[in-house]
Amino acid sequence: MTTTLTPTDRAAAEIGDRAPGTYYYNPAGTFEVIAVHGPDEARILTGRTGALWAVTTRHLATGHIETHSRAWTTSDHAIPRGQQ
């Protein structure tokens, strides 16, 4: 049996543990989540007409701020609050 996710559930799964103020790391570096955006903002900020969500992050080593819709994967790891 195949389970079909609603757009809201799919977006939540792809966003993963990212919420404003969250820190996470992956092979590309360590990031702070500045904002999570819903569909209307995501489409404007990413230029992708099908975007359901986007996150704005700051790379801690470089300070680079980026808005993207890359899904949370097994390579991403949240840093517990107080351990940033």
PDB file of N, CA and C in Angstrom:
ATOM      1  N   MET A   1       0.830  -1.178   0.000  1.00  0.00           N
ATOM      2  CA  MET A   1       0.000   0.000   0.000  1.00  0.00           C
ATOM      3  C   MET A   1       0.881   1.250   0.000  1.00  0.00           C
ATOM      4  N   THR A   2       0.571   2.193  -0.848  1.00  0.00           N
ATOM      5  CA  THR A   2       1.313   3.438  -0.946  1.00  0.00           C
ATOM      6  C   THR A   2       0.587   4.513  -0.166  1.00  0.00           C
ATOM      7  N   THR A   3       1.326   5.251   0.628  1.00  0.00           N
ATOM      8  CA  THR A   3       0.743   6.348   1.389  1.00  0.00           C
ATOM      9  C   THR A   3       1.043   7.652   0.657  1.00  0.00           C
ATOM     10  N   THR A   4       0.020   8.436   0.417  1.00  0.00           N
ATOM     11  CA  THR A   4       0.196   9.726  -0.229  1.00  0.00           C
ATOM     12  C   THR A   4       0.107  10.809   0.834  1.00  0.00           C
ATOM     13  N   LEU A   5       1.146  11.641   0.901  1.00  0.00           N
ATOM     14  CA  LEU A   5       1.164  12.724   1.872  1.00  0.00           C
ATOM     15  C   LEU A   5       0.417  13.931   1.329  1.00  0.00           C
ATOM     16  N   THR A   6      -0.251  14.635   2.206  1.00  0.00           N
ATOM     17  CA  THR A   6      -0.854  15.908   1.810  1.00  0.00           C
ATOM     18  C   THR A   6       0.287  16.895   1.577  1.00  0.00           C
ATOM     19  N   PRO A   7       0.048  17.973   0.843  1.00  0.00           N
ATOM     20  CA  PRO A   7       1.114  18.967   0.660  1.00  0.00           C
ATOM     21  C   PRO A   7       1.668  19.497   1.980  1.00  0.00           C
ATOM     22  N   THR A   8       0.800  19.659   2.978  1.00  0.00           N
ATOM     23  CA  THR A   8       1.252  20.143   4.290  1.00  0.00           C
ATOM     24  C   THR A   8       2.156  19.129   4.966  1.00  0.00           C
ATOM     25  N   ASP A   9       1.763  17.847   4.926  1.00  0.00           N
ATOM     26  CA  ASP A   9       2.591  16.797   5.533  1.00  0.00           C
ATOM     27  C   ASP A   9       3.909  16.639   4.785  1.00  0.00           C
ATOM     28  N   ARG A  10       3.857  16.732   3.469  1.00  0.00           N
ATOM     29  CA  ARG A  10       5.083  16.618   2.671  1.00  0.00           C
ATOM     30  C   ARG A  10       6.042  17.761   3.002  1.00  0.00           C
ATOM     31  N   ALA A  11       5.517  18.981   3.092  1.00  0.00           N
ATOM     32  CA  ALA A  11       6.353  20.129   3.432  1.00  0.00           C
ATOM     33  C   ALA A  11       6.979  19.948   4.809  1.00  0.00           C
ATOM     34  N   ALA A  12       6.189  19.496   5.782  1.00  0.00           N
ATOM     35  CA  ALA A  12       6.708  19.291   7.138  1.00  0.00           C
ATOM     36  C   ALA A  12       7.824  18.255   7.135  1.00  0.00           C
ATOM     37  N   ALA A  13       7.660  17.176   6.380  1.00  0.00           N
ATOM     38  CA  ALA A  13       8.698  16.140   6.311  1.00  0.00           C
ATOM     39  C   ALA A  13       9.969  16.678   5.660  1.00  0.00           C
ATOM     40  N   GLU A  14       9.812  17.495   4.620  1.00  0.00           N
ATOM     41  CA  GLU A  14      10.977  18.040   3.922  1.00  0.00           C
ATOM     42  C   GLU A  14      11.690  19.116   4.742  1.00  0.00           C
ATOM     43  N   ILE A  15      10.937  19.889   5.512  1.00  0.00           N
ATOM     44  CA  ILE A  15      11.544  20.915   6.369  1.00  0.00           C
ATOM     45  C   ILE A  15      12.307  20.245   7.512  1.00  0.00           C
ATOM     46  N   GLY A  16      11.781  19.130   7.994  1.00  0.00           N
ATOM     47  CA  GLY A  16      12.455  18.384   9.055  1.00  0.00           C
ATOM     48  C   GLY A  16      12.498  19.154  10.357  1.00  0.00           C
ATOM     49  N   ASP A  17      13.658  19.127  11.010  1.00  0.00           N
ATOM     50  CA  ASP A  17      13.822  19.758  12.325  1.00  0.00           C
ATOM     51  C   ASP A  17      14.098  21.259  12.249  1.00  0.00           C
ATOM     52  N   ARG A  18      14.052  21.832  11.058  1.00  0.00           N
ATOM     53  CA  ARG A  18      14.378  23.250  10.927  1.00  0.00           C
ATOM     54  C   ARG A  18      13.217  24.135  11.353  1.00  0.00           C
ATOM     55  N   ALA A  19      13.490  25.010  12.295  1.00  0.00           N
ATOM     56  CA  ALA A  19      12.553  26.026  12.764  1.00  0.00           C
ATOM     57  C   ALA A  19      13.403  27.255  13.085  1.00  0.00           C
ATOM     58  N   PRO A  20      12.815  28.454  13.064  1.00  0.00           N
ATOM     59  CA  PRO A  20      13.616  29.635  13.381  1.00  0.00           C
ATOM     60  C   PRO A  20      14.355  29.474  14.709  1.00  0.00           C
ATOM     61  N   GLY A  21      15.639  29.783  14.686  1.00  0.00           N
ATOM     62  CA  GLY A  21      16.471  29.670  15.879  1.00  0.00           C
ATOM     63  C   GLY A  21      17.181  28.339  16.015  1.00  0.00           C
ATOM     64  N   THR A  22      16.823  27.370  15.178  1.00  0.00           N
ATOM     65  CA  THR A  22      17.459  26.051  15.217  1.00  0.00           C
ATOM     66  C   THR A  22      18.826  26.110  14.543  1.00  0.00           C
ATOM     67  N   TYR A  23      19.759  25.358  15.079  1.00  0.00           N
ATOM     68  CA  TYR A  23      21.067  25.180  14.448  1.00  0.00           C
ATOM     69  C   TYR A  23      21.152  23.732  13.990  1.00  0.00           C
ATOM     70  N   TYR A  24      21.765  23.537  12.816  1.00  0.00           N
ATOM     71  CA  TYR A  24      21.948  22.167  12.334  1.00  0.00           C
ATOM     72  C   TYR A  24      23.233  22.096  11.529  1.00  0.00           C
ATOM     73  N   TYR A  25      23.710  20.882  11.333  1.00  0.00           N
ATOM     74  CA  TYR A  25      24.918  20.706  10.525  1.00  0.00           C
ATOM     75  C   TYR A  25      24.722  19.567   9.543  1.00  0.00           C
ATOM     76  N   ASN A  26      25.522  19.647   8.489  1.00  0.00           N
ATOM     77  CA  ASN A  26      25.581  18.604   7.468  1.00  0.00           C
ATOM     78  C   ASN A  26      26.965  18.713   6.817  1.00  0.00           C
ATOM     79  N   PRO A  27      27.275  17.930   5.808  1.00  0.00           N
ATOM     80  CA  PRO A  27      28.616  18.002   5.224  1.00  0.00           C
ATOM     81  C   PRO A  27      29.001  19.385   4.677  1.00  0.00           C
ATOM     82  N   ALA A  28      28.018  20.225   4.378  1.00  0.00           N
ATOM     83  CA  ALA A  28      28.312  21.562   3.847  1.00  0.00           C
ATOM     84  C   ALA A  28      28.663  22.571   4.934  1.00  0.00           C
ATOM     85  N   GLY A  29      28.408  22.249   6.211  1.00  0.00           N
ATOM     86  CA  GLY A  29      28.728  23.180   7.291  1.00  0.00           C
ATOM     87  C   GLY A  29      27.680  23.178   8.388  1.00  0.00           C
ATOM     88  N   THR A  30      27.731  24.219   9.207  1.00  0.00           N
ATOM     89  CA  THR A  30      26.790  24.398  10.310  1.00  0.00           C
ATOM     90  C   THR A  30      25.979  25.655  10.022  1.00  0.00           C
ATOM     91  N   PHE A  31      24.679  25.565  10.251  1.00  0.00           N
ATOM     92  CA  PHE A  31      23.758  26.620   9.851  1.00  0.00           C
ATOM     93  C   PHE A  31      22.819  27.009  10.977  1.00  0.00           C
ATOM     94  N   GLU A  32      22.387  28.261  10.939  1.00  0.00           N
ATOM     95  CA  GLU A  32      21.328  28.757  11.813  1.00  0.00           C
ATOM     96  C   GLU A  32      20.108  28.995  10.931  1.00  0.00           C
ATOM     97  N   VAL A  33      18.955  28.541  11.353  1.00  0.00           N
ATOM     98  CA  VAL A  33      17.725  28.797  10.614  1.00  0.00           C
ATOM     99  C   VAL A  33      17.207  30.168  11.032  1.00  0.00           C
ATOM    100  N   ILE A  34      17.084  31.058  10.069  1.00  0.00           N
ATOM    101  CA  ILE A  34      16.594  32.411  10.333  1.00  0.00           C
ATOM    102  C   ILE A  34      15.076  32.464  10.192  1.00  0.00           C
ATOM    103  N   ALA A  35      14.547  31.783   9.161  1.00  0.00           N
ATOM    104  CA  ALA A  35      13.100  31.809   8.921  1.00  0.00           C
ATOM    105  C   ALA A  35      12.673  30.585   8.136  1.00  0.00           C
ATOM    106  N   VAL A  36      11.416  30.206   8.320  1.00  0.00           N
ATOM    107  CA  VAL A  36      10.775  29.172   7.509  1.00  0.00           C
ATOM    108  C   VAL A  36       9.610  29.866   6.802  1.00  0.00           C
ATOM    109  N   HIS A  37       9.516  29.676   5.492  1.00  0.00           N
ATOM    110  CA  HIS A  37       8.534  30.388   4.684  1.00  0.00           C
ATOM    111  C   HIS A  37       7.496  29.435   4.104  1.00  0.00           C
ATOM    112  N   GLY A  38       6.255  29.883   4.071  1.00  0.00           N
ATOM    113  CA  GLY A  38       5.169  29.127   3.458  1.00  0.00           C
ATOM    114  C   GLY A  38       5.194  29.283   1.943  1.00  0.00           C
ATOM    115  N   PRO A  39       4.211  28.694   1.260  1.00  0.00           N
ATOM    116  CA  PRO A  39       4.225  28.632  -0.200  1.00  0.00           C
ATOM    117  C   PRO A  39       4.334  29.973  -0.916  1.00  0.00           C
ATOM    118  N   ASP A  40       3.560  30.963  -0.522  1.00  0.00           N
ATOM    119  CA  ASP A  40       3.585  32.240  -1.249  1.00  0.00           C
ATOM    120  C   ASP A  40       4.958  32.897  -1.199  1.00  0.00           C
ATOM    121  N   GLU A  41       5.524  32.996   0.004  1.00  0.00           N
ATOM    122  CA  GLU A  41       6.875  33.576   0.146  1.00  0.00           C
ATOM    123  C   GLU A  41       7.919  32.700  -0.529  1.00  0.00           C
ATOM    124  N   ALA A  42       7.785  31.381  -0.367  1.00  0.00           N
ATOM    125  CA  ALA A  42       8.769  30.451  -0.937  1.00  0.00           C
ATOM    126  C   ALA A  42       8.864  30.600  -2.450  1.00  0.00           C
ATOM    127  N   ARG A  43       7.735  30.728  -3.116  1.00  0.00           N
ATOM    128  CA  ARG A  43       7.733  30.880  -4.577  1.00  0.00           C
ATOM    129  C   ARG A  43       8.443  32.149  -5.005  1.00  0.00           C
ATOM    130  N   ILE A  44       8.226  33.220  -4.274  1.00  0.00           N
ATOM    131  CA  ILE A  44       8.877  34.493  -4.593  1.00  0.00           C
ATOM    132  C   ILE A  44      10.374  34.420  -4.294  1.00  0.00           C
ATOM    133  N   LEU A  45      10.723  33.936  -3.112  1.00  0.00           N
ATOM    134  CA  LEU A  45      12.128  33.939  -2.677  1.00  0.00           C
ATOM    135  C   LEU A  45      13.015  32.974  -3.448  1.00  0.00           C
ATOM    136  N   THR A  46      12.450  31.831  -3.871  1.00  0.00           N
ATOM    137  CA  THR A  46      13.259  30.838  -4.584  1.00  0.00           C
ATOM    138  C   THR A  46      13.120  30.938  -6.099  1.00  0.00           C
ATOM    139  N   GLY A  47      12.092  31.625  -6.565  1.00  0.00           N
ATOM    140  CA  GLY A  47      11.855  31.704  -7.995  1.00  0.00           C
ATOM    141  C   GLY A  47      11.318  30.403  -8.575  1.00  0.00           C
ATOM    142  N   ARG A  48      10.855  29.518  -7.705  1.00  0.00           N
ATOM    143  CA  ARG A  48      10.314  28.226  -8.134  1.00  0.00           C
ATOM    144  C   ARG A  48       8.787  28.255  -7.975  1.00  0.00           C
ATOM    145  N   THR A  49       8.069  28.157  -9.083  1.00  0.00           N
ATOM    146  CA  THR A  49       6.612  28.273  -9.027  1.00  0.00           C
ATOM    147  C   THR A  49       5.957  27.142  -8.245  1.00  0.00           C
ATOM    148  N   GLY A  50       6.622  25.999  -8.108  1.00  0.00           N
ATOM    149  CA  GLY A  50       6.052  24.871  -7.374  1.00  0.00           C
ATOM    150  C   GLY A  50       6.506  24.766  -5.928  1.00  0.00           C
ATOM    151  N   ALA A  51       7.262  25.739  -5.445  1.00  0.00           N
ATOM    152  CA  ALA A  51       7.786  25.663  -4.075  1.00  0.00           C
ATOM    153  C   ALA A  51       6.647  25.696  -3.064  1.00  0.00           C
ATOM    154  N   LEU A  52       6.655  24.732  -2.148  1.00  0.00           N
ATOM    155  CA  LEU A  52       5.665  24.689  -1.076  1.00  0.00           C
ATOM    156  C   LEU A  52       6.200  25.309   0.202  1.00  0.00           C
ATOM    157  N   TRP A  53       7.514  25.455   0.297  1.00  0.00           N
ATOM    158  CA  TRP A  53       8.158  25.980   1.495  1.00  0.00           C
ATOM    159  C   TRP A  53       9.580  26.395   1.140  1.00  0.00           C
ATOM    160  N   ALA A  54      10.206  27.138   2.017  1.00  0.00           N
ATOM    161  CA  ALA A  54      11.622  27.491   1.890  1.00  0.00           C
ATOM    162  C   ALA A  54      12.138  27.826   3.282  1.00  0.00           C
ATOM    163  N   VAL A  55      13.435  27.703   3.449  1.00  0.00           N
ATOM    164  CA  VAL A  55      14.063  28.127   4.696  1.00  0.00           C
ATOM    165  C   VAL A  55      15.165  29.132   4.360  1.00  0.00           C
ATOM    166  N   THR A  56      15.335  30.104   5.237  1.00  0.00           N
ATOM    167  CA  THR A  56      16.446  31.042   5.121  1.00  0.00           C
ATOM    168  C   THR A  56      17.430  30.669   6.206  1.00  0.00           C
ATOM    169  N   THR A  57      18.676  30.418   5.790  1.00  0.00           N
ATOM    170  CA  THR A  57      19.705  29.976   6.733  1.00  0.00           C
ATOM    171  C   THR A  57      20.934  30.858   6.635  1.00  0.00           C
ATOM    172  N   ARG A  58      21.699  30.856   7.713  1.00  0.00           N
ATOM    173  CA  ARG A  58      22.993  31.555   7.751  1.00  0.00           C
ATOM    174  C   ARG A  58      24.060  30.510   8.027  1.00  0.00           C
ATOM    175  N   HIS A  59      25.055  30.446   7.130  1.00  0.00           N
ATOM    176  CA  HIS A  59      26.198  29.540   7.301  1.00  0.00           C
ATOM    177  C   HIS A  59      27.080  30.150   8.390  1.00  0.00           C
ATOM    178  N   LEU A  60      27.304  29.434   9.461  1.00  0.00           N
ATOM    179  CA  LEU A  60      28.004  30.016  10.610  1.00  0.00           C
ATOM    180  C   LEU A  60      29.456  30.366  10.321  1.00  0.00           C
ATOM    181  N   ALA A  61      30.146  29.608   9.492  1.00  0.00           N
ATOM    182  CA  ALA A  61      31.557  29.881   9.227  1.00  0.00           C
ATOM    183  C   ALA A  61      31.753  31.079   8.302  1.00  0.00           C
ATOM    184  N   THR A  62      30.841  31.258   7.344  1.00  0.00           N
ATOM    185  CA  THR A  62      31.022  32.311   6.343  1.00  0.00           C
ATOM    186  C   THR A  62      30.089  33.495   6.521  1.00  0.00           C
ATOM    187  N   GLY A  63      28.988  33.289   7.250  1.00  0.00           N
ATOM    188  CA  GLY A  63      27.982  34.339   7.404  1.00  0.00           C
ATOM    189  C   GLY A  63      27.039  34.442   6.213  1.00  0.00           C
ATOM    190  N   HIS A  64      27.251  33.612   5.183  1.00  0.00           N
ATOM    191  CA  HIS A  64      26.421  33.648   3.977  1.00  0.00           C
ATOM    192  C   HIS A  64      24.976  33.299   4.321  1.00  0.00           C
ATOM    193  N   ILE A  65      24.048  34.135   3.865  1.00  0.00           N
ATOM    194  CA  ILE A  65      22.622  33.894   4.080  1.00  0.00           C
ATOM    195  C   ILE A  65      22.020  33.422   2.768  1.00  0.00           C
ATOM    196  N   GLU A  66      21.230  32.361   2.845  1.00  0.00           N
ATOM    197  CA  GLU A  66      20.641  31.764   1.652  1.00  0.00           C
ATOM    198  C   GLU A  66      19.222  31.293   1.953  1.00  0.00           C
ATOM    199  N   THR A  67      18.345  31.453   0.977  1.00  0.00           N
ATOM    200  CA  THR A  67      16.998  30.897   1.066  1.00  0.00           C
ATOM    201  C   THR A  67      16.912  29.755   0.067  1.00  0.00           C
ATOM    202  N   HIS A  68      16.465  28.596   0.533  1.00  0.00           N
ATOM    203  CA  HIS A  68      16.432  27.411  -0.325  1.00  0.00           C
ATOM    204  C   HIS A  68      15.292  26.487   0.075  1.00  0.00           C
ATOM    205  N   SER A  69      15.079  25.477  -0.759  1.00  0.00           N
ATOM    206  CA  SER A  69      14.049  24.462  -0.504  1.00  0.00           C
ATOM    207  C   SER A  69      14.645  23.059  -0.528  1.00  0.00           C
ATOM    208  N   ARG A  70      15.873  22.929  -0.056  1.00  0.00           N
ATOM    209  CA  ARG A  70      16.493  21.597  -0.008  1.00  0.00           C
ATOM    210  C   ARG A  70      15.892  20.804   1.151  1.00  0.00           C
ATOM    211  N   ALA A  71      15.454  19.597   0.839  1.00  0.00           N
ATOM    212  CA  ALA A  71      14.799  18.756   1.840  1.00  0.00           C
ATOM    213  C   ALA A  71      15.777  18.285   2.916  1.00  0.00           C
ATOM    214  N   TRP A  72      15.250  18.099   4.113  1.00  0.00           N
ATOM    215  CA  TRP A  72      15.990  17.531   5.238  1.00  0.00           C
ATOM    216  C   TRP A  72      16.321  16.086   4.893  1.00  0.00           C
ATOM    217  N   THR A  73      17.570  15.684   5.083  1.00  0.00           N
ATOM    218  CA  THR A  73      17.973  14.308   4.766  1.00  0.00           C
ATOM    219  C   THR A  73      18.671  13.682   5.968  1.00  0.00           C
ATOM    220  N   THR A  74      19.098  12.445   5.793  1.00  0.00           N
ATOM    221  CA  THR A  74      19.819  11.764   6.867  1.00  0.00           C
ATOM    222  C   THR A  74      21.197  12.373   7.096  1.00  0.00           C
ATOM    223  N   SER A  75      21.653  13.247   6.202  1.00  0.00           N
ATOM    224  CA  SER A  75      22.934  13.952   6.396  1.00  0.00           C
ATOM    225  C   SER A  75      22.786  15.182   7.282  1.00  0.00           C
ATOM    226  N   ASP A  76      21.545  15.619   7.536  1.00  0.00           N
ATOM    227  CA  ASP A  76      21.277  16.801   8.356  1.00  0.00           C
ATOM    228  C   ASP A  76      21.053  16.380   9.807  1.00  0.00           C
ATOM    229  N   HIS A  77      21.622  17.158  10.734  1.00  0.00           N
ATOM    230  CA  HIS A  77      21.527  16.840  12.156  1.00  0.00           C
ATOM    231  C   HIS A  77      21.276  18.110  12.953  1.00  0.00           C
ATOM    232  N   ALA A  78      20.178  18.146  13.678  1.00  0.00           N
ATOM    233  CA  ALA A  78      19.872  19.288  14.535  1.00  0.00           C
ATOM    234  C   ALA A  78      20.826  19.308  15.716  1.00  0.00           C
ATOM    235  N   ILE A  79      21.199  20.495  16.139  1.00  0.00           N
ATOM    236  CA  ILE A  79      22.041  20.668  17.318  1.00  0.00           C
ATOM    237  C   ILE A  79      21.104  21.050  18.461  1.00  0.00           C
ATOM    238  N   PRO A  80      21.078  20.273  19.527  1.00  0.00           N
ATOM    239  CA  PRO A  80      20.152  20.580  20.632  1.00  0.00           C
ATOM    240  C   PRO A  80      20.403  21.995  21.193  1.00  0.00           C
ATOM    241  N   ARG A  81      19.319  22.641  21.570  1.00  0.00           N
ATOM    242  CA  ARG A  81      19.428  23.980  22.167  1.00  0.00           C
ATOM    243  C   ARG A  81      20.364  23.923  23.367  1.00  0.00           C
ATOM    244  N   GLY A  82      21.174  24.948  23.505  1.00  0.00           N
ATOM    245  CA  GLY A  82      22.139  24.991  24.585  1.00  0.00           C
ATOM    246  C   GLY A  82      23.478  24.380  24.214  1.00  0.00           C
ATOM    247  N   GLN A  83      23.556  23.712  23.061  1.00  0.00           N
ATOM    248  CA  GLN A  83      24.812  23.121  22.616  1.00  0.00           C
ATOM    249  C   GLN A  83      25.340  23.802  21.355  1.00  0.00           C
ATOM    250  N   GLN A  84      24.717  24.935  20.985  1.00  0.00           N
ATOM    251  CA  GLN A  84      25.164  25.631  19.769  1.00  0.00           C
ATOM    252  C   GLN A  84      26.457  26.283  20.062  1.00  0.00           C
TER     253      GLN A  84
END
